[in-house]
Amino acid sequence: MRFLAGFLVGLLVVVFVGAAVVYTGSYNVAASTPPSRMETKLASFALNKAVARRASNARNPFPVSAEVLRDGFDHYKEMCVVCHGAPGVDVSELGQGLNPPAPDLTLPRVQGRTDGEMFWIVCNGIKMTGMPAFCPTHKTDQVWKIVAFVRHLEQLTPEEQKSLKAATEEAEHGHEEGEAAPGTETKEGEPPAAVATPGHTHDPGTAPHKD
């Protein structure tokens, strides 16, 4: 009985202290401040438990092939490499500002995930991180192909590495702040014209990647 009372008192103290820290604004939410070791451990624990509970046991239905890897590469180059980088490809300036940082996808703790877990993360994203949910904008088979390419990262070809590196460099140095792209100069007082960007495009009036 005494142990239970002590446990409840301790729990109430923890809750009170936590509430006080939040209410007084003492908790620093700045992305420029690295998370503490406790924050990292708690977040990792919660992430792993949540993913394991919700992910299916499905295996990737797409066997590795040149076509599958090419499709997965196109999506990875467009949406993933700027934050995650790749072997021989540095994370972009945008990715360096993320807190928590996007993980290196060749790490054993990432590659050790099941296909179903990796699919769930790519599909649903992770709250309060820079990881977006891809399923609202991508078809299921496209997400599976991204998973296939993530598995392939440790075997990047020199051509793939060169192309991914070019993508991060383009994201960082495409246009300096306030500088108009060539061919888009406007008269004084006029708003800049829309600039078409290369890469992934969709037919006018269609939602991206929707069935």
Protein backbone atom coordinates (compact mmCIF):
# COMPACT_ATOMS: atom_id res chain seq x y z
CA MET A 1 0.00 0.00 0.00
CA ARG A 2 2.83 2.37 0.91
CA PHE A 3 4.59 1.57 -2.39
CA LEU A 4 1.42 2.33 -4.39
CA ALA A 5 0.96 5.65 -2.59
CA GLY A 6 4.57 6.60 -3.24
CA PHE A 7 4.22 5.65 -6.92
CA LEU A 8 1.10 7.79 -7.31
CA VAL A 9 2.74 10.76 -5.60
CA GLY A 10 5.79 10.42 -7.83
CA LEU A 11 3.59 10.23 -10.91
CA LEU A 12 1.71 13.36 -9.87
CA VAL A 13 4.99 15.22 -9.33
CA VAL A 14 6.21 14.26 -12.81
CA VAL A 15 2.92 15.38 -14.38
CA PHE A 16 2.96 18.65 -12.44
CA VAL A 17 6.56 19.44 -13.36
CA GLY A 18 5.90 18.61 -17.02
CA ALA A 19 2.80 20.80 -17.07
CA ALA A 20 4.70 23.65 -15.42
CA VAL A 21 7.50 23.45 -17.98
CA VAL A 22 5.00 23.59 -20.85
CA TYR A 23 2.78 26.29 -19.31
CA THR A 24 5.66 28.65 -18.50
CA GLY A 25 7.16 28.28 -21.97
CA SER A 26 10.36 26.84 -20.52
CA TYR A 27 10.45 24.06 -23.08
CA ASN A 28 12.46 25.33 -26.05
CA VAL A 29 10.76 24.36 -29.32
CA ALA A 30 13.47 25.94 -31.52
CA ALA A 31 14.69 23.62 -34.27
CA SER A 32 18.17 25.09 -33.72
CA THR A 33 18.35 23.38 -30.31
CA PRO A 34 19.35 19.70 -30.49
CA PRO A 35 16.99 17.31 -28.66
CA SER A 36 18.17 15.94 -25.35
CA ARG A 37 19.14 12.30 -24.95
CA MET A 38 15.90 11.64 -23.08
CA GLU A 39 13.82 13.26 -25.82
CA THR A 40 15.58 11.18 -28.45
CA LYS A 41 15.07 7.94 -26.55
CA LEU A 42 11.42 8.63 -25.80
CA ALA A 43 10.67 9.69 -29.37
CA SER A 44 12.44 6.64 -30.82
CA PHE A 45 10.63 4.33 -28.41
CA ALA A 46 7.23 5.84 -29.25
CA LEU A 47 7.97 5.73 -32.98
CA ASN A 48 9.03 2.10 -32.99
CA LYS A 49 6.03 0.99 -30.92
CA ALA A 50 3.56 2.99 -33.05
CA VAL A 51 4.95 1.70 -36.35
CA ALA A 52 5.14 -1.92 -35.16
CA ARG A 53 1.49 -1.76 -34.04
CA ARG A 54 0.17 -0.29 -37.29
CA ALA A 55 2.40 -1.65 -40.04
CA SER A 56 1.34 -4.73 -41.96
CA ASN A 57 3.45 -7.83 -42.45
CA ALA A 58 3.33 -7.38 -46.21
CA ARG A 59 6.41 -7.97 -48.32
CA ASN A 60 7.22 -5.64 -51.16
CA PRO A 61 5.08 -6.93 -54.07
CA PHE A 62 7.55 -5.54 -56.63
CA PRO A 63 10.61 -7.73 -57.21
CA VAL A 64 13.77 -5.75 -57.77
CA SER A 65 14.19 -4.86 -61.42
CA ALA A 66 15.72 -2.05 -63.45
CA GLU A 67 12.25 -0.58 -64.04
CA VAL A 68 11.25 -0.68 -60.37
CA LEU A 69 14.51 0.93 -59.26
CA ARG A 70 14.25 3.57 -61.97
CA ASP A 71 10.77 4.57 -60.85
CA GLY A 72 11.81 4.55 -57.18
CA PHE A 73 14.90 6.58 -58.04
CA ASP A 74 12.82 9.27 -59.76
CA HIS A 75 10.68 9.79 -56.65
CA TYR A 76 13.64 9.60 -54.26
CA LYS A 77 15.53 12.18 -56.27
CA GLU A 78 12.56 14.53 -56.35
CA MET A 79 11.38 14.31 -52.74
CA CYS A 80 13.79 12.44 -50.46
CA VAL A 81 17.44 13.16 -51.19
CA VAL A 82 17.37 16.81 -50.10
CA CYS A 83 16.62 15.73 -46.51
CA HIS A 84 18.05 12.22 -46.28
CA GLY A 85 21.01 12.46 -48.63
CA ALA A 86 22.49 9.21 -49.93
CA PRO A 87 25.85 7.43 -49.96
CA GLY A 88 28.29 10.00 -51.31
CA VAL A 89 25.55 12.65 -51.42
CA ASP A 90 25.40 15.25 -48.65
CA VAL A 91 22.14 16.40 -47.12
CA SER A 92 21.02 19.76 -48.51
CA GLU A 93 20.99 22.98 -46.50
CA LEU A 94 17.26 22.48 -45.96
CA GLY A 95 17.87 19.02 -44.55
CA GLN A 96 20.61 20.27 -42.26
CA GLY A 97 18.08 22.55 -40.57
CA LEU A 98 15.68 19.75 -39.62
CA ASN A 99 15.30 18.87 -35.95
CA PRO A 100 15.15 15.98 -35.42
CA PRO A 101 17.39 15.37 -38.43
CA ALA A 102 16.19 13.04 -41.15
CA PRO A 103 17.99 9.72 -40.64
CA ASP A 104 20.61 8.25 -42.93
CA LEU A 105 18.54 5.59 -44.68
CA THR A 106 21.47 3.19 -44.97
CA LEU A 107 21.74 2.83 -41.18
CA PRO A 108 21.11 -0.70 -39.85
CA ARG A 109 18.18 0.53 -37.72
CA VAL A 110 16.47 1.75 -40.92
CA GLN A 111 17.40 -1.09 -43.25
CA GLY A 112 16.47 -3.52 -40.47
CA ARG A 113 12.83 -2.50 -40.64
CA THR A 114 10.44 -4.83 -42.39
CA ASP A 115 9.01 -3.92 -45.78
CA GLY A 116 5.66 -3.30 -44.11
CA GLU A 117 7.15 -0.93 -41.55
CA MET A 118 9.09 1.01 -44.16
CA PHE A 119 6.00 1.25 -46.36
CA TRP A 120 3.92 2.53 -43.43
CA ILE A 121 6.42 5.28 -42.64
CA VAL A 122 6.70 6.45 -46.25
CA CYS A 123 2.94 6.24 -46.67
CA ASN A 124 1.89 7.99 -43.45
CA GLY A 125 4.85 10.17 -42.52
CA ILE A 126 5.90 11.03 -38.96
CA LYS A 127 4.23 13.75 -36.91
CA MET A 128 6.25 16.76 -35.78
CA THR A 129 9.20 15.92 -38.03
CA GLY A 130 10.00 16.86 -41.60
CA MET A 131 8.76 13.47 -42.84
CA PRO A 132 5.63 13.97 -44.96
CA ALA A 133 2.93 11.40 -45.76
CA PHE A 134 3.29 10.21 -49.35
CA CYS A 135 0.08 8.20 -49.69
CA PRO A 136 -2.18 11.26 -50.07
CA THR A 137 -0.25 12.19 -53.22
CA HIS A 138 1.10 8.86 -54.48
CA LYS A 139 -0.33 5.54 -55.56
CA THR A 140 0.41 2.45 -53.50
CA ASP A 141 2.69 0.93 -56.13
CA GLN A 142 4.74 4.14 -56.27
CA VAL A 143 5.30 4.02 -52.51
CA TRP A 144 6.41 0.39 -52.76
CA LYS A 145 8.91 1.36 -55.45
CA ILE A 146 10.32 4.07 -53.19
CA VAL A 147 10.78 1.38 -50.53
CA ALA A 148 12.57 -0.78 -53.10
CA PHE A 149 14.94 2.06 -53.95
CA VAL A 150 15.66 2.75 -50.27
CA ARG A 151 16.77 -0.88 -50.02
CA HIS A 152 19.02 -0.25 -53.03
CA LEU A 153 20.78 2.83 -51.58
CA GLU A 154 23.84 0.91 -50.45
CA GLN A 155 24.38 -0.28 -54.02
CA LEU A 156 24.06 3.07 -55.79
CA THR A 157 25.64 3.20 -59.22
CA PRO A 158 28.01 6.08 -60.04
CA GLU A 159 25.38 7.46 -62.41
CA GLU A 160 22.66 7.41 -59.72
CA GLN A 161 24.99 9.04 -57.22
CA LYS A 162 25.92 11.78 -59.68
CA SER A 163 22.26 12.49 -60.48
CA LEU A 164 21.24 12.61 -56.80
CA LYS A 165 24.12 14.94 -56.01
CA ALA A 166 23.03 17.23 -58.83
CA ALA A 167 19.51 17.31 -57.37
CA THR A 168 20.70 18.54 -53.97
CA GLU A 169 22.98 21.12 -55.56
CA GLU A 170 20.12 22.37 -57.71
CA ALA A 171 17.88 22.68 -54.65
CA GLU A 172 20.51 24.74 -52.84
CA HIS A 173 21.83 26.92 -55.64
CA GLY A 174 19.01 27.08 -58.18
CA HIS A 175 18.17 30.71 -57.50
CA GLU A 176 19.57 33.21 -55.07
CA GLU A 177 17.06 35.06 -52.95
CA GLY A 178 15.39 37.80 -54.96
CA GLU A 179 17.01 36.79 -58.24
CA ALA A 180 14.70 36.06 -61.14
CA ALA A 181 15.29 32.95 -63.22
CA PRO A 182 16.62 33.57 -66.75
CA GLY A 183 13.80 34.46 -69.12
CA THR A 184 11.40 35.48 -66.33
CA GLU A 185 12.44 39.11 -65.90
CA THR A 186 9.47 41.46 -65.57
CA LYS A 187 8.92 45.16 -65.84
CA GLU A 188 9.20 47.20 -62.69
CA GLY A 189 6.12 46.85 -60.53
CA GLU A 190 4.89 43.69 -62.24
CA PRO A 191 4.73 40.38 -60.32
CA PRO A 192 7.14 37.68 -61.52
CA ALA A 193 5.72 35.15 -63.93
CA ALA A 194 5.25 31.56 -62.87
CA VAL A 195 8.29 29.48 -63.62
CA ALA A 196 7.95 25.92 -64.81
CA THR A 197 10.24 23.54 -62.97
CA PRO A 198 11.71 20.40 -64.50
CA GLY A 199 11.08 16.94 -63.21
CA HIS A 200 7.82 15.44 -62.02
CA THR A 201 4.82 16.90 -63.88
CA HIS A 202 1.13 16.13 -64.20
CA ASP A 203 -1.52 16.88 -66.77
CA PRO A 204 -3.34 20.16 -66.16
CA GLY A 205 -6.34 19.80 -63.87
CA THR A 206 -5.28 16.44 -62.42
CA ALA A 207 -4.33 15.78 -58.81
CA PRO A 208 -0.79 14.43 -58.36
CA HIS A 209 -0.53 10.65 -58.48
CA LYS A 210 -4.18 10.04 -57.68
CA ASP A 211 -6.04 7.03 -59.05
